[in-house]
Amino acid sequence: MKLLFDQNLSPKLVNRLADLFPGSSHVRSVGLDGASDDPIWEYARLNGFAIVTKDEDYNNLSVLRGSPPKVVWLQLGNCTTAQVEAVFHGRFADIEAFENDPSVGTLVLS
């Protein structure tokens, strides 16, 4: 699964999680830093990314539009990049199952 990290997450996560999610990117790296939700959604859809965000808006788009793209919604509150990284490592099996389930558009990680 390729992940597209939203602007509310550190770009460092791309490299820190490259062993589990090769080919991932950050909105800043693809020229979408500061973009509204729609262009980010469309970029992810057209390029095979799942959106990783702390923003509820992408979950709402997923409910309205369906997937792709899939959405990984982080409900972690204020936390460090290392804590976010740890969640992805600890929940890798859940994320893989989510990727392979076409009936689910959003995975909540808390």
PDB file of N, CA and C in Angstrom:
ATOM      1  N   MET A   1       0.849  -1.171   0.000  1.00  0.00           N
ATOM      2  CA  MET A   1       0.000   0.000   0.000  1.00  0.00           C
ATOM      3  C   MET A   1       0.893   1.231   0.000  1.00  0.00           C
ATOM      4  N   LYS A   2       0.638   2.136  -0.931  1.00  0.00           N
ATOM      5  CA  LYS A   2       1.333   3.418  -0.947  1.00  0.00           C
ATOM      6  C   LYS A   2       0.497   4.428  -0.164  1.00  0.00           C
ATOM      7  N   LEU A   3       1.160   5.154   0.710  1.00  0.00           N
ATOM      8  CA  LEU A   3       0.473   6.130   1.548  1.00  0.00           C
ATOM      9  C   LEU A   3       0.811   7.541   1.097  1.00  0.00           C
ATOM     10  N   LEU A   4      -0.189   8.413   1.124  1.00  0.00           N
ATOM     11  CA  LEU A   4       0.004   9.838   0.882  1.00  0.00           C
ATOM     12  C   LEU A   4      -0.317  10.551   2.186  1.00  0.00           C
ATOM     13  N   PHE A   5       0.734  11.061   2.837  1.00  0.00           N
ATOM     14  CA  PHE A   5       0.566  11.727   4.127  1.00  0.00           C
ATOM     15  C   PHE A   5       0.082  13.146   3.935  1.00  0.00           C
ATOM     16  N   ASP A   6      -0.956  13.493   4.656  1.00  0.00           N
ATOM     17  CA  ASP A   6      -1.559  14.821   4.597  1.00  0.00           C
ATOM     18  C   ASP A   6      -0.643  15.844   5.264  1.00  0.00           C
ATOM     19  N   GLN A   7      -0.939  17.113   5.020  1.00  0.00           N
ATOM     20  CA  GLN A   7      -0.099  18.196   5.522  1.00  0.00           C
ATOM     21  C   GLN A   7      -0.074  18.294   7.040  1.00  0.00           C
ATOM     22  N   ASN A   8      -1.010  17.659   7.728  1.00  0.00           N
ATOM     23  CA  ASN A   8      -1.010  17.701   9.185  1.00  0.00           C
ATOM     24  C   ASN A   8      -0.106  16.636   9.803  1.00  0.00           C
ATOM     25  N   LEU A   9       0.661  15.928   8.961  1.00  0.00           N
ATOM     26  CA  LEU A   9       1.604  14.907   9.425  1.00  0.00           C
ATOM     27  C   LEU A   9       2.996  15.224   8.902  1.00  0.00           C
ATOM     28  N   SER A  10       3.994  14.753   9.613  1.00  0.00           N
ATOM     29  CA  SER A  10       5.379  15.038   9.262  1.00  0.00           C
ATOM     30  C   SER A  10       5.801  14.344   7.968  1.00  0.00           C
ATOM     31  N   PRO A  11       6.499  15.069   7.082  1.00  0.00           N
ATOM     32  CA  PRO A  11       7.060  14.436   5.883  1.00  0.00           C
ATOM     33  C   PRO A  11       8.090  13.352   6.218  1.00  0.00           C
ATOM     34  N   LYS A  12       8.643  13.383   7.426  1.00  0.00           N
ATOM     35  CA  LYS A  12       9.621  12.378   7.847  1.00  0.00           C
ATOM     36  C   LYS A  12       9.025  10.970   7.866  1.00  0.00           C
ATOM     37  N   LEU A  13       7.709  10.869   7.967  1.00  0.00           N
ATOM     38  CA  LEU A  13       7.075   9.556   8.017  1.00  0.00           C
ATOM     39  C   LEU A  13       7.295   8.757   6.736  1.00  0.00           C
ATOM     40  N   VAL A  14       7.466   9.438   5.613  1.00  0.00           N
ATOM     41  CA  VAL A  14       7.698   8.735   4.341  1.00  0.00           C
ATOM     42  C   VAL A  14       8.931   7.845   4.455  1.00  0.00           C
ATOM     43  N   ASN A  15      10.041   8.404   4.917  1.00  0.00           N
ATOM     44  CA  ASN A  15      11.272   7.621   5.057  1.00  0.00           C
ATOM     45  C   ASN A  15      11.208   6.649   6.230  1.00  0.00           C
ATOM     46  N   ARG A  16      10.586   7.066   7.315  1.00  0.00           N
ATOM     47  CA  ARG A  16      10.532   6.214   8.503  1.00  0.00           C
ATOM     48  C   ARG A  16       9.691   4.966   8.295  1.00  0.00           C
ATOM     49  N   LEU A  17       8.756   5.027   7.354  1.00  0.00           N
ATOM     50  CA  LEU A  17       7.877   3.878   7.105  1.00  0.00           C
ATOM     51  C   LEU A  17       8.122   3.237   5.736  1.00  0.00           C
ATOM     52  N   ALA A  18       9.218   3.617   5.087  1.00  0.00           N
ATOM     53  CA  ALA A  18       9.511   3.107   3.741  1.00  0.00           C
ATOM     54  C   ALA A  18       9.679   1.593   3.713  1.00  0.00           C
ATOM     55  N   ASP A  19      10.101   0.986   4.816  1.00  0.00           N
ATOM     56  CA  ASP A  19      10.262  -0.468   4.845  1.00  0.00           C
ATOM     57  C   ASP A  19       8.914  -1.183   4.759  1.00  0.00           C
ATOM     58  N   LEU A  20       7.867  -0.582   5.294  1.00  0.00           N
ATOM     59  CA  LEU A  20       6.535  -1.181   5.269  1.00  0.00           C
ATOM     60  C   LEU A  20       5.683  -0.684   4.109  1.00  0.00           C
ATOM     61  N   PHE A  21       5.886   0.565   3.719  1.00  0.00           N
ATOM     62  CA  PHE A  21       5.032   1.196   2.713  1.00  0.00           C
ATOM     63  C   PHE A  21       5.878   1.882   1.638  1.00  0.00           C
ATOM     64  N   PRO A  22       6.592   1.088   0.822  1.00  0.00           N
ATOM     65  CA  PRO A  22       7.432   1.689  -0.216  1.00  0.00           C
ATOM     66  C   PRO A  22       6.587   2.445  -1.239  1.00  0.00           C
ATOM     67  N   GLY A  23       7.166   3.506  -1.769  1.00  0.00           N
ATOM     68  CA  GLY A  23       6.457   4.306  -2.770  1.00  0.00           C
ATOM     69  C   GLY A  23       5.548   5.356  -2.182  1.00  0.00           C
ATOM     70  N   SER A  24       5.544   5.486  -0.864  1.00  0.00           N
ATOM     71  CA  SER A  24       4.692   6.487  -0.216  1.00  0.00           C
ATOM     72  C   SER A  24       5.244   7.886  -0.443  1.00  0.00           C
ATOM     73  N   SER A  25       4.412   8.884  -0.162  1.00  0.00           N
ATOM     74  CA  SER A  25       4.812  10.270  -0.388  1.00  0.00           C
ATOM     75  C   SER A  25       4.081  11.176   0.603  1.00  0.00           C
ATOM     76  N   HIS A  26       4.421  12.436   0.558  1.00  0.00           N
ATOM     77  CA  HIS A  26       3.784  13.472   1.381  1.00  0.00           C
ATOM     78  C   HIS A  26       3.222  14.519   0.439  1.00  0.00           C
ATOM     79  N   VAL A  27       2.121  15.156   0.816  1.00  0.00           N
ATOM     80  CA  VAL A  27       1.518  16.152  -0.070  1.00  0.00           C
ATOM     81  C   VAL A  27       2.510  17.243  -0.467  1.00  0.00           C
ATOM     82  N   ARG A  28       3.418  17.568   0.418  1.00  0.00           N
ATOM     83  CA  ARG A  28       4.437  18.585   0.117  1.00  0.00           C
ATOM     84  C   ARG A  28       5.322  18.138  -1.050  1.00  0.00           C
ATOM     85  N   SER A  29       5.652  16.861  -1.087  1.00  0.00           N
ATOM     86  CA  SER A  29       6.548  16.317  -2.117  1.00  0.00           C
ATOM     87  C   SER A  29       5.918  16.287  -3.501  1.00  0.00           C
ATOM     88  N   VAL A  30       4.592  16.305  -3.559  1.00  0.00           N
ATOM     89  CA  VAL A  30       3.906  16.231  -4.853  1.00  0.00           C
ATOM     90  C   VAL A  30       3.241  17.557  -5.230  1.00  0.00           C
ATOM     91  N   GLY A  31       3.651  18.635  -4.556  1.00  0.00           N
ATOM     92  CA  GLY A  31       3.156  19.965  -4.901  1.00  0.00           C
ATOM     93  C   GLY A  31       1.758  20.271  -4.418  1.00  0.00           C
ATOM     94  N   LEU A  32       1.289  19.551  -3.400  1.00  0.00           N
ATOM     95  CA  LEU A  32      -0.065  19.775  -2.897  1.00  0.00           C
ATOM     96  C   LEU A  32      -0.106  20.325  -1.477  1.00  0.00           C
ATOM     97  N   ASP A  33       1.029  20.813  -0.978  1.00  0.00           N
ATOM     98  CA  ASP A  33       1.053  21.399   0.362  1.00  0.00           C
ATOM     99  C   ASP A  33       0.146  22.625   0.377  1.00  0.00           C
ATOM    100  N   GLY A  34      -0.788  22.656   1.284  1.00  0.00           N
ATOM    101  CA  GLY A  34      -1.731  23.766   1.382  1.00  0.00           C
ATOM    102  C   GLY A  34      -2.932  23.623   0.466  1.00  0.00           C
ATOM    103  N   ALA A  35      -2.989  22.547  -0.320  1.00  0.00           N
ATOM    104  CA  ALA A  35      -4.126  22.337  -1.223  1.00  0.00           C
ATOM    105  C   ALA A  35      -5.367  21.947  -0.423  1.00  0.00           C
ATOM    106  N   SER A  36      -6.518  22.188  -1.005  1.00  0.00           N
ATOM    107  CA  SER A  36      -7.765  21.766  -0.371  1.00  0.00           C
ATOM    108  C   SER A  36      -7.922  20.251  -0.523  1.00  0.00           C
ATOM    109  N   ASP A  37      -8.946  19.712   0.105  1.00  0.00           N
ATOM    110  CA  ASP A  37      -9.135  18.263   0.137  1.00  0.00           C
ATOM    111  C   ASP A  37      -9.370  17.650  -1.245  1.00  0.00           C
ATOM    112  N   ASP A  38     -10.128  18.333  -2.103  1.00  0.00           N
ATOM    113  CA  ASP A  38     -10.483  17.746  -3.401  1.00  0.00           C
ATOM    114  C   ASP A  38      -9.284  17.435  -4.292  1.00  0.00           C
ATOM    115  N   PRO A  39      -8.325  18.358  -4.479  1.00  0.00           N
ATOM    116  CA  PRO A  39      -7.173  17.996  -5.313  1.00  0.00           C
ATOM    117  C   PRO A  39      -6.321  16.873  -4.707  1.00  0.00           C
ATOM    118  N   ILE A  40      -6.226  16.832  -3.397  1.00  0.00           N
ATOM    119  CA  ILE A  40      -5.474  15.764  -2.735  1.00  0.00           C
ATOM    120  C   ILE A  40      -6.189  14.433  -2.937  1.00  0.00           C
ATOM    121  N   TRP A  41      -7.494  14.433  -2.771  1.00  0.00           N
ATOM    122  CA  TRP A  41      -8.302  13.226  -2.991  1.00  0.00           C
ATOM    123  C   TRP A  41      -8.100  12.716  -4.417  1.00  0.00           C
ATOM    124  N   GLU A  42      -8.201  13.609  -5.373  1.00  0.00           N
ATOM    125  CA  GLU A  42      -8.082  13.224  -6.776  1.00  0.00           C
ATOM    126  C   GLU A  42      -6.677  12.708  -7.102  1.00  0.00           C
ATOM    127  N   TYR A  43      -5.653  13.361  -6.568  1.00  0.00           N
ATOM    128  CA  TYR A  43      -4.283  12.913  -6.785  1.00  0.00           C
ATOM    129  C   TYR A  43      -4.102  11.494  -6.236  1.00  0.00           C
ATOM    130  N   ALA A  44      -4.586  11.261  -5.032  1.00  0.00           N
ATOM    131  CA  ALA A  44      -4.470   9.934  -4.422  1.00  0.00           C
ATOM    132  C   ALA A  44      -5.222   8.894  -5.246  1.00  0.00           C
ATOM    133  N   ARG A  45      -6.407   9.238  -5.695  1.00  0.00           N
ATOM    134  CA  ARG A  45      -7.220   8.308  -6.486  1.00  0.00           C
ATOM    135  C   ARG A  45      -6.517   7.940  -7.793  1.00  0.00           C
ATOM    136  N   LEU A  46      -6.006   8.926  -8.489  1.00  0.00           N
ATOM    137  CA  LEU A  46      -5.392   8.696  -9.799  1.00  0.00           C
ATOM    138  C   LEU A  46      -4.033   8.004  -9.718  1.00  0.00           C
ATOM    139  N   ASN A  47      -3.365   8.119  -8.566  1.00  0.00           N
ATOM    140  CA  ASN A  47      -2.007   7.597  -8.440  1.00  0.00           C
ATOM    141  C   ASN A  47      -1.875   6.417  -7.490  1.00  0.00           C
ATOM    142  N   GLY A  48      -2.996   5.861  -7.045  1.00  0.00           N
ATOM    143  CA  GLY A  48      -2.971   4.635  -6.263  1.00  0.00           C
ATOM    144  C   GLY A  48      -2.494   4.777  -4.829  1.00  0.00           C
ATOM    145  N   PHE A  49      -2.754   5.929  -4.217  1.00  0.00           N
ATOM    146  CA  PHE A  49      -2.377   6.153  -2.827  1.00  0.00           C
ATOM    147  C   PHE A  49      -3.577   5.991  -1.908  1.00  0.00           C
ATOM    148  N   ALA A  50      -3.307   5.631  -0.661  1.00  0.00           N
ATOM    149  CA  ALA A  50      -4.268   5.779   0.428  1.00  0.00           C
ATOM    150  C   ALA A  50      -3.883   7.056   1.162  1.00  0.00           C
ATOM    151  N   ILE A  51      -4.853   7.848   1.544  1.00  0.00           N
ATOM    152  CA  ILE A  51      -4.594   9.110   2.248  1.00  0.00           C
ATOM    153  C   ILE A  51      -4.485   8.833   3.744  1.00  0.00           C
ATOM    154  N   VAL A  52      -3.412   9.345   4.351  1.00  0.00           N
ATOM    155  CA  VAL A  52      -3.233   9.247   5.800  1.00  0.00           C
ATOM    156  C   VAL A  52      -3.412  10.647   6.366  1.00  0.00           C
ATOM    157  N   THR A  53      -4.313  10.794   7.310  1.00  0.00           N
ATOM    158  CA  THR A  53      -4.667  12.121   7.803  1.00  0.00           C
ATOM    159  C   THR A  53      -5.145  12.069   9.245  1.00  0.00           C
ATOM    160  N   LYS A  54      -5.147  13.219   9.865  1.00  0.00           N
ATOM    161  CA  LYS A  54      -5.786  13.387  11.170  1.00  0.00           C
ATOM    162  C   LYS A  54      -7.100  14.151  11.004  1.00  0.00           C
ATOM    163  N   ASP A  55      -7.467  14.419   9.768  1.00  0.00           N
ATOM    164  CA  ASP A  55      -8.599  15.269   9.409  1.00  0.00           C
ATOM    165  C   ASP A  55      -9.842  14.424   9.107  1.00  0.00           C
ATOM    166  N   GLU A  56     -10.929  14.685   9.779  1.00  0.00           N
ATOM    167  CA  GLU A  56     -12.182  13.957   9.581  1.00  0.00           C
ATOM    168  C   GLU A  56     -12.757  14.149   8.182  1.00  0.00           C
ATOM    169  N   ASP A  57     -12.392  15.238   7.507  1.00  0.00           N
ATOM    170  CA  ASP A  57     -12.977  15.539   6.199  1.00  0.00           C
ATOM    171  C   ASP A  57     -12.775  14.419   5.189  1.00  0.00           C
ATOM    172  N   TYR A  58     -11.623  13.756   5.231  1.00  0.00           N
ATOM    173  CA  TYR A  58     -11.385  12.678   4.271  1.00  0.00           C
ATOM    174  C   TYR A  58     -12.270  11.474   4.550  1.00  0.00           C
ATOM    175  N   ASN A  59     -12.573  11.217   5.799  1.00  0.00           N
ATOM    176  CA  ASN A  59     -13.529  10.164   6.113  1.00  0.00           C
ATOM    177  C   ASN A  59     -14.888  10.514   5.523  1.00  0.00           C
ATOM    178  N   ASN A  60     -15.285  11.769   5.653  1.00  0.00           N
ATOM    179  CA  ASN A  60     -16.565  12.202   5.100  1.00  0.00           C
ATOM    180  C   ASN A  60     -16.590  12.044   3.577  1.00  0.00           C
ATOM    181  N   LEU A  61     -15.483  12.385   2.906  1.00  0.00           N
ATOM    182  CA  LEU A  61     -15.408  12.200   1.460  1.00  0.00           C
ATOM    183  C   LEU A  61     -15.508  10.717   1.099  1.00  0.00           C
ATOM    184  N   SER A  62     -14.892   9.873   1.893  1.00  0.00           N
ATOM    185  CA  SER A  62     -14.942   8.438   1.646  1.00  0.00           C
ATOM    186  C   SER A  62     -16.374   7.915   1.746  1.00  0.00           C
ATOM    187  N   VAL A  63     -17.127   8.412   2.721  1.00  0.00           N
ATOM    188  CA  VAL A  63     -18.522   7.999   2.878  1.00  0.00           C
ATOM    189  C   VAL A  63     -19.334   8.462   1.664  1.00  0.00           C
ATOM    190  N   LEU A  64     -19.089   9.680   1.204  1.00  0.00           N
ATOM    191  CA  LEU A  64     -19.849  10.240   0.078  1.00  0.00           C
ATOM    192  C   LEU A  64     -19.456   9.637  -1.263  1.00  0.00           C
ATOM    193  N   ARG A  65     -18.157   9.469  -1.479  1.00  0.00           N
ATOM    194  CA  ARG A  65     -17.661   9.094  -2.803  1.00  0.00           C
ATOM    195  C   ARG A  65     -17.244   7.632  -2.926  1.00  0.00           C
ATOM    196  N   GLY A  66     -17.041   6.974  -1.800  1.00  0.00           N
ATOM    197  CA  GLY A  66     -16.508   5.619  -1.842  1.00  0.00           C
ATOM    198  C   GLY A  66     -15.016   5.640  -2.126  1.00  0.00           C
ATOM    199  N   SER A  67     -14.451   4.464  -2.288  1.00  0.00           N
ATOM    200  CA  SER A  67     -13.022   4.398  -2.564  1.00  0.00           C
ATOM    201  C   SER A  67     -12.818   3.730  -3.917  1.00  0.00           C
ATOM    202  N   PRO A  68     -11.700   3.954  -4.572  1.00  0.00           N
ATOM    203  CA  PRO A  68     -10.499   4.604  -4.051  1.00  0.00           C
ATOM    204  C   PRO A  68     -10.620   6.122  -4.041  1.00  0.00           C
ATOM    205  N   PRO A  69      -9.754   6.769  -3.286  1.00  0.00           N
ATOM    206  CA  PRO A  69      -8.712   6.200  -2.454  1.00  0.00           C
ATOM    207  C   PRO A  69      -9.262   5.760  -1.101  1.00  0.00           C
ATOM    208  N   LYS A  70      -8.512   4.894  -0.474  1.00  0.00           N
ATOM    209  CA  LYS A  70      -8.820   4.528   0.897  1.00  0.00           C
ATOM    210  C   LYS A  70      -8.247   5.608   1.817  1.00  0.00           C
ATOM    211  N   VAL A  71      -8.763   5.648   3.035  1.00  0.00           N
ATOM    212  CA  VAL A  71      -8.352   6.668   4.005  1.00  0.00           C
ATOM    213  C   VAL A  71      -7.921   5.982   5.296  1.00  0.00           C
ATOM    214  N   VAL A  72      -6.747   6.363   5.779  1.00  0.00           N
ATOM    215  CA  VAL A  72      -6.292   5.944   7.105  1.00  0.00           C
ATOM    216  C   VAL A  72      -6.415   7.178   7.986  1.00  0.00           C
ATOM    217  N   TRP A  73      -7.385   7.135   8.891  1.00  0.00           N
ATOM    218  CA  TRP A  73      -7.706   8.286   9.734  1.00  0.00           C
ATOM    219  C   TRP A  73      -7.072   8.073  11.101  1.00  0.00           C
ATOM    220  N   LEU A  74      -6.097   8.902  11.423  1.00  0.00           N
ATOM    221  CA  LEU A  74      -5.393   8.818  12.699  1.00  0.00           C
ATOM    222  C   LEU A  74      -6.124   9.638  13.740  1.00  0.00           C
ATOM    223  N   GLN A  75      -6.598   8.987  14.772  1.00  0.00           N
ATOM    224  CA  GLN A  75      -7.250   9.667  15.888  1.00  0.00           C
ATOM    225  C   GLN A  75      -6.336   9.503  17.099  1.00  0.00           C
ATOM    226  N   LEU A  76      -5.222  10.215  17.054  1.00  0.00           N
ATOM    227  CA  LEU A  76      -4.181  10.055  18.069  1.00  0.00           C
ATOM    228  C   LEU A  76      -3.983  11.290  18.928  1.00  0.00           C
ATOM    229  N   GLY A  77      -4.670  12.376  18.633  1.00  0.00           N
ATOM    230  CA  GLY A  77      -4.451  13.603  19.384  1.00  0.00           C
ATOM    231  C   GLY A  77      -3.058  14.142  19.113  1.00  0.00           C
ATOM    232  N   ASN A  78      -2.569  14.974  20.007  1.00  0.00           N
ATOM    233  CA  ASN A  78      -1.215  15.500  19.861  1.00  0.00           C
ATOM    234  C   ASN A  78      -0.229  14.387  20.176  1.00  0.00           C
ATOM    235  N   CYS A  79       0.645  14.116  19.227  1.00  0.00           N
ATOM    236  CA  CYS A  79       1.625  13.056  19.430  1.00  0.00           C
ATOM    237  C   CYS A  79       2.855  13.337  18.576  1.00  0.00           C
ATOM    238  N   THR A  80       3.901  12.639  18.864  1.00  0.00           N
ATOM    239  CA  THR A  80       5.143  12.829  18.130  1.00  0.00           C
ATOM    240  C   THR A  80       5.129  11.990  16.856  1.00  0.00           C
ATOM    241  N   THR A  81       6.047  12.317  15.961  1.00  0.00           N
ATOM    242  CA  THR A  81       6.217  11.532  14.739  1.00  0.00           C
ATOM    243  C   THR A  81       6.597  10.101  15.093  1.00  0.00           C
ATOM    244  N   ALA A  82       7.423   9.925  16.105  1.00  0.00           N
ATOM    245  CA  ALA A  82       7.810   8.581  16.547  1.00  0.00           C
ATOM    246  C   ALA A  82       6.599   7.785  17.023  1.00  0.00           C
ATOM    247  N   GLN A  83       5.656   8.428  17.682  1.00  0.00           N
ATOM    248  CA  GLN A  83       4.453   7.741  18.135  1.00  0.00           C
ATOM    249  C   GLN A  83       3.578   7.318  16.956  1.00  0.00           C
ATOM    250  N   VAL A  84       3.472   8.180  15.949  1.00  0.00           N
ATOM    251  CA  VAL A  84       2.711   7.826  14.750  1.00  0.00           C
ATOM    252  C   VAL A  84       3.379   6.634  14.067  1.00  0.00           C
ATOM    253  N   GLU A  85       4.689   6.694  13.934  1.00  0.00           N
ATOM    254  CA  GLU A  85       5.445   5.596  13.335  1.00  0.00           C
ATOM    255  C   GLU A  85       5.192   4.285  14.089  1.00  0.00           C
ATOM    256  N   ALA A  86       5.201   4.338  15.395  1.00  0.00           N
ATOM    257  CA  ALA A  86       4.979   3.145  16.215  1.00  0.00           C
ATOM    258  C   ALA A  86       3.593   2.560  15.976  1.00  0.00           C
ATOM    259  N   VAL A  87       2.596   3.404  15.802  1.00  0.00           N
ATOM    260  CA  VAL A  87       1.241   2.915  15.530  1.00  0.00           C
ATOM    261  C   VAL A  87       1.220   2.153  14.209  1.00  0.00           C
ATOM    262  N   PHE A  88       1.876   2.678  13.180  1.00  0.00           N
ATOM    263  CA  PHE A  88       1.894   1.995  11.892  1.00  0.00           C
ATOM    264  C   PHE A  88       2.615   0.652  11.982  1.00  0.00           C
ATOM    265  N   HIS A  89       3.694   0.603  12.729  1.00  0.00           N
ATOM    266  CA  HIS A  89       4.398  -0.675  12.908  1.00  0.00           C
ATOM    267  C   HIS A  89       3.536  -1.650  13.701  1.00  0.00           C
ATOM    268  N   GLY A  90       2.911  -1.167  14.756  1.00  0.00           N
ATOM    269  CA  GLY A  90       2.107  -2.037  15.610  1.00  0.00           C
ATOM    270  C   GLY A  90       0.813  -2.517  14.981  1.00  0.00           C
ATOM    271  N   ARG A  91       0.288  -1.757  14.038  1.00  0.00           N
ATOM    272  CA  ARG A  91      -1.001  -2.100  13.416  1.00  0.00           C
ATOM    273  C   ARG A  91      -0.852  -2.554  11.960  1.00  0.00           C
ATOM    274  N   PHE A  92       0.355  -2.953  11.586  1.00  0.00           N
ATOM    275  CA  PHE A  92       0.625  -3.304  10.192  1.00  0.00           C
ATOM    276  C   PHE A  92      -0.320  -4.390   9.676  1.00  0.00           C
ATOM    277  N   ALA A  93      -0.580  -5.405  10.468  1.00  0.00           N
ATOM    278  CA  ALA A  93      -1.482  -6.483  10.033  1.00  0.00           C
ATOM    279  C   ALA A  93      -2.886  -5.949   9.775  1.00  0.00           C
ATOM    280  N   ASP A  94      -3.364  -5.038  10.610  1.00  0.00           N
ATOM    281  CA  ASP A  94      -4.685  -4.428  10.411  1.00  0.00           C
ATOM    282  C   ASP A  94      -4.708  -3.597   9.131  1.00  0.00           C
ATOM    283  N   ILE A  95      -3.618  -2.901   8.863  1.00  0.00           N
ATOM    284  CA  ILE A  95      -3.532  -2.063   7.666  1.00  0.00           C
ATOM    285  C   ILE A  95      -3.522  -2.937   6.411  1.00  0.00           C
ATOM    286  N   GLU A  96      -2.804  -4.048   6.455  1.00  0.00           N
ATOM    287  CA  GLU A  96      -2.798  -4.979   5.317  1.00  0.00           C
ATOM    288  C   GLU A  96      -4.191  -5.552   5.071  1.00  0.00           C
ATOM    289  N   ALA A  97      -4.885  -5.934   6.134  1.00  0.00           N
ATOM    290  CA  ALA A  97      -6.241  -6.461   5.996  1.00  0.00           C
ATOM    291  C   ALA A  97      -7.169  -5.400   5.403  1.00  0.00           C
ATOM    292  N   PHE A  98      -7.020  -4.166   5.843  1.00  0.00           N
ATOM    293  CA  PHE A  98      -7.801  -3.047   5.326  1.00  0.00           C
ATOM    294  C   PHE A  98      -7.538  -2.862   3.833  1.00  0.00           C
ATOM    295  N   GLU A  99      -6.286  -2.922   3.443  1.00  0.00           N
ATOM    296  CA  GLU A  99      -5.925  -2.750   2.031  1.00  0.00           C
ATOM    297  C   GLU A  99      -6.618  -3.797   1.156  1.00  0.00           C
ATOM    298  N   ASN A 100      -6.746  -5.004   1.672  1.00  0.00           N
ATOM    299  CA  ASN A 100      -7.292  -6.113   0.891  1.00  0.00           C
ATOM    300  C   ASN A 100      -8.800  -6.278   0.996  1.00  0.00           C
ATOM    301  N   ASP A 101      -9.465  -5.397   1.741  1.00  0.00           N
ATOM    302  CA  ASP A 101     -10.916  -5.487   1.911  1.00  0.00           C
ATOM    303  C   ASP A 101     -11.597  -4.382   1.096  1.00  0.00           C
ATOM    304  N   PRO A 102     -12.149  -4.711  -0.063  1.00  0.00           N
ATOM    305  CA  PRO A 102     -12.762  -3.680  -0.910  1.00  0.00           C
ATOM    306  C   PRO A 102     -14.029  -3.070  -0.332  1.00  0.00           C
ATOM    307  N   SER A 103     -14.576  -3.665   0.707  1.00  0.00           N
ATOM    308  CA  SER A 103     -15.822  -3.151   1.282  1.00  0.00           C
ATOM    309  C   SER A 103     -15.596  -2.038   2.313  1.00  0.00           C
ATOM    310  N   VAL A 104     -14.350  -1.769   2.675  1.00  0.00           N
ATOM    311  CA  VAL A 104     -14.054  -0.781   3.710  1.00  0.00           C
ATOM    312  C   VAL A 104     -13.231   0.354   3.105  1.00  0.00           C
ATOM    313  N   GLY A 105     -13.690   1.601   3.296  1.00  0.00           N
ATOM    314  CA  GLY A 105     -13.002   2.751   2.726  1.00  0.00           C
ATOM    315  C   GLY A 105     -12.141   3.518   3.705  1.00  0.00           C
ATOM    316  N   THR A 106     -12.422   3.384   5.000  1.00  0.00           N
ATOM    317  CA  THR A 106     -11.669   4.120   6.015  1.00  0.00           C
ATOM    318  C   THR A 106     -11.253   3.178   7.137  1.00  0.00           C
ATOM    319  N   LEU A 107      -9.999   3.314   7.543  1.00  0.00           N
ATOM    320  CA  LEU A 107      -9.483   2.606   8.711  1.00  0.00           C
ATOM    321  C   LEU A 107      -9.143   3.652   9.754  1.00  0.00           C
ATOM    322  N   VAL A 108      -9.706   3.516  10.943  1.00  0.00           N
ATOM    323  CA  VAL A 108      -9.425   4.427  12.042  1.00  0.00           C
ATOM    324  C   VAL A 108      -8.329   3.797  12.911  1.00  0.00           C
ATOM    325  N   LEU A 109      -7.260   4.532  13.100  1.00  0.00           N
ATOM    326  CA  LEU A 109      -6.193   4.100  14.002  1.00  0.00           C
ATOM    327  C   LEU A 109      -6.179   5.033  15.194  1.00  0.00           C
ATOM    328  N   SER A 110      -6.351   4.475  16.383  1.00  0.00           N
ATOM    329  CA  SER A 110      -6.359   5.306  17.588  1.00  0.00           C
ATOM    330  C   SER A 110      -5.484   4.672  18.641  1.00  0.00           C
TER     331      SER A 110
END
